[in-house]
Amino acid sequence: MITEERAVPPRVVAAERVAAESGFKKSCIPEVGRLLSLAAAAKPHGIIAESGTGSGVGTAWLHSGLGSGARLVTVERDEELARRAAEVFADDKRVSVLTGDWRLLEHHAPFDVFFCDGGGKRDDPQGVVELLAPGGLLILDDFTPSPYWPPRFDGEVDELRLFYLTHPALDATEILTTPASSAVVAARRL
């Protein structure tokens, strides 16, 4: 039997409360959250990163899989959201919530898991790839599924998705997270 706590970790509930109180409507969906938890659990001594903390929902999902020897660093541009998200993790020294541009993550790289949900994904995709350690996992969500190759969005080739799916340093695939959304999951080649 799956308990409610197992289905939705308590810190996810706390971060969702922060999102509701702050009017933040772009939080990580549970289907992606479970993927994040799995990725973090696969790297029990890894350095885990997130770009785009928001209210901390994705951070909380990553945290739910965080090993005792792992570290989690996340960055958010909005000072108030970053402050509120940091409160959710204040009792865990393995978690650092930074305030500012996504490039602050460069000081903590290379990453064993990188959930790129904010800066970098669109504005510097090559820079995102370079932050991954060999064997590091990259997770990018919020894509619209495409039955075509190359993938299309709004009738045009989705160059961003194509970049990640065909990058020579990555082994990548796209997975359906809901009937209307997908994620690109990639591993940096050794």
N, C-alpha and C. Protein backbone atom coordinates (compact mmCIF):
# COMPACT_ATOMS: atom_id res chain seq x y z
N MET A 1 0.83 -1.18 0.00
CA MET A 1 0.00 0.00 0.00
C MET A 1 0.89 1.25 0.00
N ILE A 2 0.57 2.21 -0.86
CA ILE A 2 1.32 3.46 -0.93
C ILE A 2 0.67 4.47 0.02
N THR A 3 1.50 4.98 0.92
CA THR A 3 0.98 5.97 1.86
C THR A 3 0.92 7.33 1.18
N GLU A 4 0.14 8.22 1.73
CA GLU A 4 0.04 9.58 1.18
C GLU A 4 1.40 10.26 1.21
N GLU A 5 2.17 10.03 2.29
CA GLU A 5 3.50 10.64 2.40
C GLU A 5 4.41 10.16 1.27
N ARG A 6 4.30 8.89 0.89
CA ARG A 6 5.11 8.34 -0.19
C ARG A 6 4.66 8.91 -1.53
N ALA A 7 3.36 9.08 -1.69
CA ALA A 7 2.83 9.59 -2.95
C ALA A 7 3.22 11.05 -3.18
N VAL A 8 3.12 11.86 -2.16
CA VAL A 8 3.50 13.27 -2.25
C VAL A 8 4.31 13.61 -1.00
N PRO A 9 5.62 13.75 -1.18
CA PRO A 9 6.48 14.04 -0.02
C PRO A 9 6.07 15.33 0.70
N PRO A 10 6.26 15.36 2.02
CA PRO A 10 5.84 16.53 2.81
C PRO A 10 6.44 17.85 2.35
N ARG A 11 7.69 17.86 1.91
CA ARG A 11 8.28 19.13 1.44
C ARG A 11 7.65 19.59 0.14
N VAL A 12 7.18 18.65 -0.67
CA VAL A 12 6.46 19.04 -1.89
C VAL A 12 5.17 19.75 -1.50
N VAL A 13 4.47 19.19 -0.51
CA VAL A 13 3.24 19.83 -0.02
C VAL A 13 3.55 21.23 0.51
N ALA A 14 4.64 21.37 1.26
CA ALA A 14 5.02 22.68 1.80
C ALA A 14 5.35 23.67 0.68
N ALA A 15 6.08 23.22 -0.34
CA ALA A 15 6.42 24.10 -1.46
C ALA A 15 5.19 24.45 -2.28
N GLU A 16 4.27 23.52 -2.41
CA GLU A 16 3.01 23.82 -3.11
C GLU A 16 2.20 24.87 -2.35
N ARG A 17 2.28 24.83 -1.03
CA ARG A 17 1.61 25.84 -0.22
C ARG A 17 2.23 27.22 -0.47
N VAL A 18 3.56 27.28 -0.55
CA VAL A 18 4.25 28.53 -0.86
C VAL A 18 3.81 29.04 -2.23
N ALA A 19 3.70 28.15 -3.21
CA ALA A 19 3.26 28.55 -4.55
C ALA A 19 1.86 29.16 -4.50
N ALA A 20 0.95 28.50 -3.78
CA ALA A 20 -0.42 29.01 -3.68
C ALA A 20 -0.45 30.37 -3.00
N GLU A 21 0.29 30.51 -1.91
CA GLU A 21 0.32 31.78 -1.18
C GLU A 21 0.96 32.89 -2.00
N SER A 22 1.90 32.55 -2.86
CA SER A 22 2.63 33.54 -3.66
C SER A 22 1.97 33.81 -5.01
N GLY A 23 0.97 33.02 -5.36
CA GLY A 23 0.34 33.16 -6.67
C GLY A 23 1.22 32.63 -7.80
N PHE A 24 2.18 31.76 -7.47
CA PHE A 24 3.08 31.19 -8.46
C PHE A 24 2.40 30.00 -9.12
N LYS A 25 2.25 30.04 -10.44
CA LYS A 25 1.47 29.02 -11.15
C LYS A 25 2.27 28.15 -12.09
N LYS A 26 3.59 28.16 -11.99
CA LYS A 26 4.42 27.40 -12.92
C LYS A 26 5.19 26.29 -12.23
N SER A 27 4.61 25.70 -11.21
CA SER A 27 5.31 24.66 -10.46
C SER A 27 5.41 23.36 -11.24
N CYS A 28 6.38 22.59 -10.86
CA CYS A 28 6.63 21.26 -11.42
C CYS A 28 5.40 20.37 -11.20
N ILE A 29 5.00 19.63 -12.25
CA ILE A 29 3.87 18.72 -12.12
C ILE A 29 4.34 17.42 -11.47
N PRO A 30 3.44 16.69 -10.79
CA PRO A 30 3.85 15.45 -10.10
C PRO A 30 4.51 14.42 -11.01
N GLU A 31 4.08 14.32 -12.25
CA GLU A 31 4.67 13.34 -13.16
C GLU A 31 6.14 13.63 -13.41
N VAL A 32 6.49 14.89 -13.53
CA VAL A 32 7.89 15.28 -13.68
C VAL A 32 8.60 15.17 -12.33
N GLY A 33 7.89 15.52 -11.27
CA GLY A 33 8.45 15.43 -9.93
C GLY A 33 8.95 14.04 -9.60
N ARG A 34 8.18 13.03 -9.94
CA ARG A 34 8.59 11.66 -9.65
C ARG A 34 9.84 11.29 -10.46
N LEU A 35 9.94 11.81 -11.68
CA LEU A 35 11.13 11.61 -12.49
C LEU A 35 12.34 12.28 -11.82
N LEU A 36 12.15 13.46 -11.28
CA LEU A 36 13.23 14.17 -10.58
C LEU A 36 13.70 13.39 -9.35
N SER A 37 12.76 12.87 -8.60
CA SER A 37 13.09 12.09 -7.42
C SER A 37 13.92 10.87 -7.81
N LEU A 38 13.51 10.19 -8.86
CA LEU A 38 14.23 9.02 -9.35
C LEU A 38 15.64 9.39 -9.80
N ALA A 39 15.79 10.49 -10.54
CA ALA A 39 17.11 10.92 -11.01
C ALA A 39 18.03 11.24 -9.84
N ALA A 40 17.52 11.96 -8.84
CA ALA A 40 18.35 12.28 -7.67
C ALA A 40 18.74 11.01 -6.93
N ALA A 41 17.81 10.07 -6.79
CA ALA A 41 18.10 8.81 -6.09
C ALA A 41 19.17 8.00 -6.82
N ALA A 42 19.26 8.16 -8.14
CA ALA A 42 20.24 7.42 -8.93
C ALA A 42 21.66 7.94 -8.71
N LYS A 43 21.80 9.10 -8.10
CA LYS A 43 23.11 9.71 -7.86
C LYS A 43 23.24 10.03 -6.37
N PRO A 44 23.33 8.99 -5.50
CA PRO A 44 23.26 9.19 -4.05
C PRO A 44 24.39 10.03 -3.44
N HIS A 45 25.48 10.22 -4.17
CA HIS A 45 26.58 11.05 -3.68
C HIS A 45 26.83 12.21 -4.65
N GLY A 46 25.84 12.52 -5.46
CA GLY A 46 26.02 13.48 -6.53
C GLY A 46 25.77 14.92 -6.15
N ILE A 47 26.12 15.76 -7.09
CA ILE A 47 25.79 17.18 -7.00
C ILE A 47 24.60 17.38 -7.93
N ILE A 48 23.49 17.77 -7.35
CA ILE A 48 22.22 17.91 -8.05
C ILE A 48 21.94 19.40 -8.18
N ALA A 49 21.46 19.83 -9.36
CA ALA A 49 21.20 21.25 -9.57
C ALA A 49 19.84 21.47 -10.21
N GLU A 50 19.35 22.68 -10.00
CA GLU A 50 18.09 23.10 -10.61
C GLU A 50 18.20 24.57 -10.97
N SER A 51 17.78 24.88 -12.17
CA SER A 51 17.66 26.26 -12.61
C SER A 51 16.17 26.58 -12.65
N GLY A 52 15.77 27.60 -11.89
CA GLY A 52 14.35 27.97 -11.84
C GLY A 52 13.66 27.34 -10.65
N THR A 53 14.04 27.72 -9.45
CA THR A 53 13.49 27.17 -8.21
C THR A 53 11.99 27.41 -8.10
N GLY A 54 11.55 28.60 -8.51
CA GLY A 54 10.16 28.97 -8.28
C GLY A 54 9.88 28.94 -6.79
N SER A 55 8.79 28.27 -6.40
CA SER A 55 8.45 28.16 -4.98
C SER A 55 9.10 26.95 -4.32
N GLY A 56 9.84 26.16 -5.10
CA GLY A 56 10.56 25.02 -4.53
C GLY A 56 9.91 23.67 -4.73
N VAL A 57 8.87 23.58 -5.58
CA VAL A 57 8.20 22.29 -5.78
C VAL A 57 9.14 21.29 -6.45
N GLY A 58 9.77 21.68 -7.56
CA GLY A 58 10.72 20.78 -8.21
C GLY A 58 11.89 20.46 -7.29
N THR A 59 12.34 21.46 -6.56
CA THR A 59 13.42 21.27 -5.58
C THR A 59 13.02 20.21 -4.56
N ALA A 60 11.78 20.28 -4.10
CA ALA A 60 11.29 19.32 -3.11
C ALA A 60 11.22 17.91 -3.69
N TRP A 61 10.85 17.79 -4.94
CA TRP A 61 10.85 16.47 -5.57
C TRP A 61 12.28 15.95 -5.68
N LEU A 62 13.22 16.79 -6.11
CA LEU A 62 14.62 16.37 -6.15
C LEU A 62 15.08 15.95 -4.75
N HIS A 63 14.72 16.74 -3.76
CA HIS A 63 15.09 16.47 -2.37
C HIS A 63 14.56 15.12 -1.91
N SER A 64 13.39 14.73 -2.38
CA SER A 64 12.78 13.47 -1.93
C SER A 64 13.61 12.26 -2.35
N GLY A 65 14.47 12.40 -3.35
CA GLY A 65 15.36 11.31 -3.76
C GLY A 65 16.80 11.53 -3.37
N LEU A 66 17.08 12.62 -2.67
CA LEU A 66 18.45 13.03 -2.35
C LEU A 66 19.11 12.07 -1.37
N GLY A 67 20.26 11.54 -1.77
CA GLY A 67 21.02 10.66 -0.90
C GLY A 67 21.71 11.43 0.21
N SER A 68 22.11 10.71 1.25
CA SER A 68 22.73 11.37 2.41
C SER A 68 24.07 12.01 2.04
N GLY A 69 24.72 11.52 0.99
CA GLY A 69 26.00 12.10 0.58
C GLY A 69 25.89 13.07 -0.58
N ALA A 70 24.68 13.42 -0.96
CA ALA A 70 24.45 14.31 -2.11
C ALA A 70 24.27 15.76 -1.66
N ARG A 71 24.44 16.66 -2.61
CA ARG A 71 24.15 18.09 -2.39
C ARG A 71 23.19 18.56 -3.47
N LEU A 72 22.34 19.51 -3.12
CA LEU A 72 21.37 20.07 -4.05
C LEU A 72 21.50 21.58 -4.03
N VAL A 73 21.74 22.16 -5.21
CA VAL A 73 21.83 23.61 -5.34
C VAL A 73 20.83 24.05 -6.40
N THR A 74 20.07 25.08 -6.07
CA THR A 74 19.03 25.58 -6.97
C THR A 74 19.10 27.10 -6.99
N VAL A 75 18.67 27.68 -8.10
CA VAL A 75 18.76 29.13 -8.24
C VAL A 75 17.43 29.70 -8.78
N GLU A 76 17.05 30.84 -8.21
CA GLU A 76 15.81 31.53 -8.60
C GLU A 76 16.09 33.03 -8.69
N ARG A 77 15.61 33.65 -9.77
CA ARG A 77 15.81 35.10 -9.96
C ARG A 77 14.96 35.94 -9.02
N ASP A 78 13.73 35.51 -8.77
CA ASP A 78 12.80 36.28 -7.95
C ASP A 78 13.21 36.15 -6.47
N GLU A 79 13.62 37.26 -5.87
CA GLU A 79 14.14 37.24 -4.50
C GLU A 79 13.14 36.70 -3.49
N GLU A 80 11.90 37.11 -3.59
CA GLU A 80 10.89 36.68 -2.63
C GLU A 80 10.61 35.18 -2.76
N LEU A 81 10.49 34.69 -3.99
CA LEU A 81 10.28 33.25 -4.18
C LEU A 81 11.48 32.47 -3.66
N ALA A 82 12.69 32.93 -3.94
CA ALA A 82 13.89 32.25 -3.46
C ALA A 82 13.92 32.21 -1.94
N ARG A 83 13.57 33.31 -1.32
CA ARG A 83 13.56 33.37 0.15
C ARG A 83 12.55 32.39 0.72
N ARG A 84 11.35 32.37 0.14
CA ARG A 84 10.30 31.47 0.63
C ARG A 84 10.66 30.01 0.39
N ALA A 85 11.25 29.72 -0.77
CA ALA A 85 11.66 28.34 -1.06
C ALA A 85 12.76 27.91 -0.11
N ALA A 86 13.70 28.81 0.19
CA ALA A 86 14.80 28.48 1.10
C ALA A 86 14.26 28.09 2.48
N GLU A 87 13.17 28.69 2.90
CA GLU A 87 12.57 28.36 4.19
C GLU A 87 12.12 26.91 4.25
N VAL A 88 11.68 26.37 3.11
CA VAL A 88 11.21 24.98 3.07
C VAL A 88 12.35 24.01 3.37
N PHE A 89 13.58 24.43 3.05
CA PHE A 89 14.75 23.55 3.20
C PHE A 89 15.74 24.03 4.27
N ALA A 90 15.32 24.97 5.09
CA ALA A 90 16.22 25.61 6.06
C ALA A 90 16.87 24.61 7.02
N ASP A 91 16.23 23.49 7.26
CA ASP A 91 16.76 22.52 8.22
C ASP A 91 17.68 21.47 7.58
N ASP A 92 17.97 21.60 6.28
CA ASP A 92 18.79 20.60 5.59
C ASP A 92 20.00 21.27 4.95
N LYS A 93 21.16 21.05 5.52
CA LYS A 93 22.39 21.69 5.05
C LYS A 93 22.84 21.19 3.68
N ARG A 94 22.23 20.11 3.19
CA ARG A 94 22.58 19.60 1.86
C ARG A 94 21.99 20.47 0.75
N VAL A 95 21.05 21.36 1.09
CA VAL A 95 20.32 22.15 0.10
C VAL A 95 20.73 23.62 0.19
N SER A 96 21.06 24.19 -0.98
CA SER A 96 21.37 25.62 -1.07
C SER A 96 20.43 26.25 -2.09
N VAL A 97 19.73 27.30 -1.68
CA VAL A 97 18.87 28.06 -2.58
C VAL A 97 19.55 29.39 -2.84
N LEU A 98 19.95 29.60 -4.09
CA LEU A 98 20.63 30.83 -4.48
C LEU A 98 19.63 31.80 -5.10
N THR A 99 19.91 33.08 -4.99
CA THR A 99 19.09 34.10 -5.60
C THR A 99 19.90 34.79 -6.69
N GLY A 100 19.38 34.77 -7.91
CA GLY A 100 20.06 35.44 -9.01
C GLY A 100 19.92 34.70 -10.31
N ASP A 101 20.82 35.03 -11.22
CA ASP A 101 20.84 34.46 -12.56
C ASP A 101 21.28 32.99 -12.52
N TRP A 102 20.79 32.20 -13.46
CA TRP A 102 21.11 30.78 -13.51
C TRP A 102 22.61 30.51 -13.61
N ARG A 103 23.36 31.47 -14.11
CA ARG A 103 24.81 31.26 -14.27
C ARG A 103 25.54 31.14 -12.93
N LEU A 104 24.88 31.48 -11.84
CA LEU A 104 25.47 31.25 -10.51
C LEU A 104 25.76 29.76 -10.31
N LEU A 105 25.04 28.91 -11.02
CA LEU A 105 25.25 27.47 -10.90
C LEU A 105 26.63 27.05 -11.40
N GLU A 106 27.22 27.83 -12.29
CA GLU A 106 28.53 27.47 -12.85
C GLU A 106 29.56 27.24 -11.75
N HIS A 107 29.43 27.94 -10.63
CA HIS A 107 30.39 27.84 -9.53
C HIS A 107 30.26 26.52 -8.77
N HIS A 108 29.20 25.75 -9.03
CA HIS A 108 28.95 24.50 -8.31
C HIS A 108 29.06 23.28 -9.22
N ALA A 109 29.28 23.51 -10.51
CA ALA A 109 29.33 22.43 -11.50
C ALA A 109 30.66 21.70 -11.40
N PRO A 110 30.76 20.51 -11.94
CA PRO A 110 29.81 19.84 -12.83
C PRO A 110 28.73 19.09 -12.03
N PHE A 111 27.59 18.87 -12.71
CA PHE A 111 26.43 18.28 -12.04
C PHE A 111 26.18 16.84 -12.47
N ASP A 112 25.78 16.06 -11.49
CA ASP A 112 25.39 14.67 -11.75
C ASP A 112 23.94 14.58 -12.18
N VAL A 113 23.13 15.55 -11.76
CA VAL A 113 21.75 15.70 -12.22
C VAL A 113 21.51 17.20 -12.36
N PHE A 114 20.93 17.60 -13.48
CA PHE A 114 20.60 19.01 -13.69
C PHE A 114 19.19 19.10 -14.24
N PHE A 115 18.28 19.63 -13.41
CA PHE A 115 16.92 19.91 -13.85
C PHE A 115 16.92 21.36 -14.31
N CYS A 116 16.98 21.56 -15.60
CA CYS A 116 17.05 22.90 -16.16
C CYS A 116 15.63 23.34 -16.50
N ASP A 117 15.01 24.04 -15.56
CA ASP A 117 13.62 24.44 -15.69
C ASP A 117 13.50 25.96 -15.82
N GLY A 118 14.61 26.66 -15.77
CA GLY A 118 14.59 28.11 -15.86
C GLY A 118 15.64 28.57 -16.84
N GLY A 119 16.45 29.51 -16.42
CA GLY A 119 17.48 30.07 -17.29
C GLY A 119 18.43 29.02 -17.82
N GLY A 120 18.89 29.27 -19.03
CA GLY A 120 19.82 28.37 -19.68
C GLY A 120 19.18 27.49 -20.72
N LYS A 121 18.05 26.92 -20.41
CA LYS A 121 17.39 25.96 -21.30
C LYS A 121 17.25 26.50 -22.72
N ARG A 122 16.77 27.74 -22.83
CA ARG A 122 16.56 28.35 -24.14
C ARG A 122 17.67 29.32 -24.54
N ASP A 123 18.20 30.05 -23.57
CA ASP A 123 19.14 31.12 -23.92
C ASP A 123 20.59 30.66 -24.06
N ASP A 124 20.95 29.50 -23.50
CA ASP A 124 22.33 29.00 -23.66
C ASP A 124 22.34 27.48 -23.54
N PRO A 125 21.72 26.78 -24.48
CA PRO A 125 21.67 25.32 -24.37
C PRO A 125 23.04 24.65 -24.33
N GLN A 126 24.01 25.18 -25.07
CA GLN A 126 25.35 24.60 -25.02
C GLN A 126 25.95 24.77 -23.63
N GLY A 127 25.72 25.92 -23.02
CA GLY A 127 26.19 26.15 -21.66
C GLY A 127 25.58 25.18 -20.67
N VAL A 128 24.33 24.81 -20.88
CA VAL A 128 23.66 23.83 -20.03
C VAL A 128 24.37 22.49 -20.13
N VAL A 129 24.63 22.04 -21.36
CA VAL A 129 25.30 20.75 -21.57
C VAL A 129 26.67 20.75 -20.90
N GLU A 130 27.38 21.84 -20.98
CA GLU A 130 28.73 21.92 -20.41
C GLU A 130 28.75 21.85 -18.90
N LEU A 131 27.61 22.08 -18.23
CA LEU A 131 27.56 22.00 -16.77
C LEU A 131 27.41 20.57 -16.27
N LEU A 132 27.18 19.62 -17.17
CA LEU A 132 26.99 18.23 -16.78
C LEU A 132 28.32 17.50 -16.60
N ALA A 133 28.40 16.72 -15.55
CA ALA A 133 29.53 15.82 -15.37
C ALA A 133 29.39 14.67 -16.36
N PRO A 134 30.47 13.99 -16.70
CA PRO A 134 30.33 12.78 -17.51
C PRO A 134 29.37 11.80 -16.81
N GLY A 135 28.40 11.30 -17.53
CA GLY A 135 27.38 10.44 -16.94
C GLY A 135 26.27 11.21 -16.26
N GLY A 136 26.37 12.54 -16.23
CA GLY A 136 25.36 13.38 -15.60
C GLY A 136 24.05 13.35 -16.37
N LEU A 137 22.95 13.45 -15.63
CA LEU A 137 21.61 13.43 -16.22
C LEU A 137 21.07 14.85 -16.36
N LEU A 138 20.47 15.11 -17.49
CA LEU A 138 19.81 16.40 -17.76
C LEU A 138 18.33 16.14 -17.95
N ILE A 139 17.51 16.94 -17.27
CA ILE A 139 16.06 16.82 -17.40
C ILE A 139 15.51 18.19 -17.77
N LEU A 140 14.76 18.21 -18.87
CA LEU A 140 14.12 19.42 -19.37
C LEU A 140 12.65 19.10 -19.59
N ASP A 141 11.76 19.87 -19.00
CA ASP A 141 10.34 19.57 -19.17
C ASP A 141 9.62 20.68 -19.93
N ASP A 142 8.32 20.58 -19.96
CA ASP A 142 7.44 21.58 -20.59
C ASP A 142 7.50 21.58 -22.12
N PHE A 143 7.74 20.42 -22.71
CA PHE A 143 7.65 20.30 -24.16
C PHE A 143 6.27 19.77 -24.53
N THR A 144 5.83 20.08 -25.74
CA THR A 144 4.59 19.55 -26.27
C THR A 144 4.94 18.33 -27.12
N PRO A 145 4.34 17.17 -26.83
CA PRO A 145 4.68 15.98 -27.60
C PRO A 145 4.51 16.18 -29.10
N SER A 146 5.41 15.57 -29.86
CA SER A 146 5.35 15.65 -31.32
C SER A 146 5.51 14.25 -31.89
N PRO A 147 4.58 13.82 -32.76
CA PRO A 147 4.72 12.49 -33.36
C PRO A 147 5.65 12.49 -34.57
N TYR A 148 6.25 13.62 -34.88
CA TYR A 148 7.07 13.76 -36.08
C TYR A 148 8.56 13.78 -35.76
N TRP A 149 9.33 13.43 -36.80
CA TRP A 149 10.77 13.63 -36.72
C TRP A 149 11.20 14.41 -37.94
N PRO A 150 11.90 15.50 -37.77
CA PRO A 150 12.27 16.08 -36.48
C PRO A 150 11.04 16.60 -35.74
N PRO A 151 11.15 16.73 -34.41
CA PRO A 151 10.00 17.18 -33.62
C PRO A 151 9.55 18.57 -34.06
N ARG A 152 8.24 18.77 -33.99
CA ARG A 152 7.66 20.04 -34.42
C ARG A 152 6.85 20.65 -33.28
N PHE A 153 6.78 21.98 -33.32
CA PHE A 153 5.93 22.72 -32.40
C PHE A 153 5.35 23.89 -33.18
N ASP A 154 4.04 24.05 -33.11
CA ASP A 154 3.34 25.10 -33.85
C ASP A 154 3.67 25.05 -35.35
N GLY A 155 3.78 23.83 -35.88
CA GLY A 155 4.00 23.66 -37.31
C GLY A 155 5.43 23.85 -37.78
N GLU A 156 6.33 24.20 -36.89
CA GLU A 156 7.73 24.43 -37.25
C GLU A 156 8.62 23.40 -36.55
N VAL A 157 9.78 23.14 -37.13
CA VAL A 157 10.75 22.27 -36.47
C VAL A 157 11.11 22.90 -35.13
N ASP A 158 11.07 22.10 -34.07
CA ASP A 158 11.41 22.58 -32.73
C ASP A 158 12.93 22.48 -32.58
N GLU A 159 13.60 23.54 -32.93
CA GLU A 159 15.07 23.56 -32.96
C GLU A 159 15.67 23.33 -31.57
N LEU A 160 15.01 23.85 -30.54
CA LEU A 160 15.54 23.68 -29.19
C LEU A 160 15.52 22.21 -28.79
N ARG A 161 14.39 21.58 -28.96
CA ARG A 161 14.28 20.16 -28.61
C ARG A 161 15.24 19.33 -29.47
N LEU A 162 15.33 19.65 -30.74
CA LEU A 162 16.23 18.96 -31.64
C LEU A 162 17.69 19.09 -31.19
N PHE A 163 18.04 20.28 -30.70
CA PHE A 163 19.40 20.51 -30.19
C PHE A 163 19.75 19.48 -29.12
N TYR A 164 18.87 19.34 -28.12
CA TYR A 164 19.16 18.43 -27.02
C TYR A 164 19.09 16.96 -27.45
N LEU A 165 18.13 16.63 -28.28
CA LEU A 165 17.95 15.23 -28.70
C LEU A 165 19.07 14.72 -29.60
N THR A 166 19.74 15.63 -30.30
CA THR A 166 20.78 15.20 -31.26
C THR A 166 22.18 15.69 -30.88
N HIS A 167 22.33 16.27 -29.71
CA HIS A 167 23.63 16.80 -29.32
C HIS A 167 24.66 15.67 -29.26
N PRO A 168 25.84 15.87 -29.85
CA PRO A 168 26.83 14.78 -29.90
C PRO A 168 27.39 14.35 -28.54
N ALA A 169 27.26 15.17 -27.51
CA ALA A 169 27.76 14.81 -26.19
C ALA A 169 26.70 14.14 -25.32
N LEU A 170 25.48 14.01 -25.86
CA LEU A 170 24.37 13.48 -25.07
C LEU A 170 23.76 12.24 -25.69
N ASP A 171 23.31 11.33 -24.84
CA ASP A 171 22.37 10.29 -25.23
C ASP A 171 21.05 10.76 -24.67
N ALA A 172 20.07 11.00 -25.54
CA ALA A 172 18.84 11.64 -25.09
C ALA A 172 17.61 10.95 -25.65
N THR A 173 16.52 11.11 -24.93
CA THR A 173 15.22 10.64 -25.39
C THR A 173 14.16 11.59 -24.87
N GLU A 174 13.00 11.49 -25.45
CA GLU A 174 11.85 12.28 -25.01
C GLU A 174 10.84 11.32 -24.41
N ILE A 175 10.32 11.66 -23.25
CA ILE A 175 9.32 10.81 -22.62
C ILE A 175 8.04 11.59 -22.40
N LEU A 176 6.94 10.93 -22.55
CA LEU A 176 5.63 11.52 -22.32
C LEU A 176 5.40 11.59 -20.81
N THR A 177 5.10 12.77 -20.30
CA THR A 177 4.83 12.91 -18.88
C THR A 177 3.33 12.97 -18.61
N THR A 178 2.59 13.56 -19.52
CA THR A 178 1.12 13.55 -19.52
C THR A 178 0.73 13.47 -21.00
N PRO A 179 -0.54 13.27 -21.32
CA PRO A 179 -0.91 13.25 -22.74
C PRO A 179 -0.57 14.54 -23.49
N ALA A 180 -0.41 15.65 -22.74
CA ALA A 180 -0.15 16.93 -23.39
C ALA A 180 1.23 17.51 -23.13
N SER A 181 2.10 16.77 -22.42
CA SER A 181 3.43 17.30 -22.13
C SER A 181 4.48 16.19 -22.15
N SER A 182 5.70 16.62 -22.43
CA SER A 182 6.80 15.66 -22.47
C SER A 182 8.04 16.30 -21.87
N ALA A 183 9.02 15.45 -21.61
CA ALA A 183 10.31 15.89 -21.07
C ALA A 183 11.42 15.25 -21.89
N VAL A 184 12.50 15.99 -22.02
CA VAL A 184 13.71 15.43 -22.62
C VAL A 184 14.61 15.02 -21.47
N VAL A 185 15.07 13.78 -21.53
CA VAL A 185 15.99 13.24 -20.53
C VAL A 185 17.25 12.83 -21.27
N ALA A 186 18.39 13.28 -20.78
CA ALA A 186 19.65 13.00 -21.46
C ALA A 186 20.73 12.67 -20.46
N ALA A 187 21.72 11.90 -20.91
CA ALA A 187 22.90 11.60 -20.11
C ALA A 187 24.12 12.06 -20.91
N ARG A 188 25.04 12.72 -20.21
CA ARG A 188 26.26 13.16 -20.88
C ARG A 188 27.16 11.95 -21.09
N ARG A 189 27.63 11.81 -22.30
CA ARG A 189 28.49 10.68 -22.63
C ARG A 189 29.80 10.75 -21.86
N LEU A 190 30.31 9.59 -21.52
CA LEU A 190 31.57 9.50 -20.77
C LEU A 190 32.75 9.81 -21.66
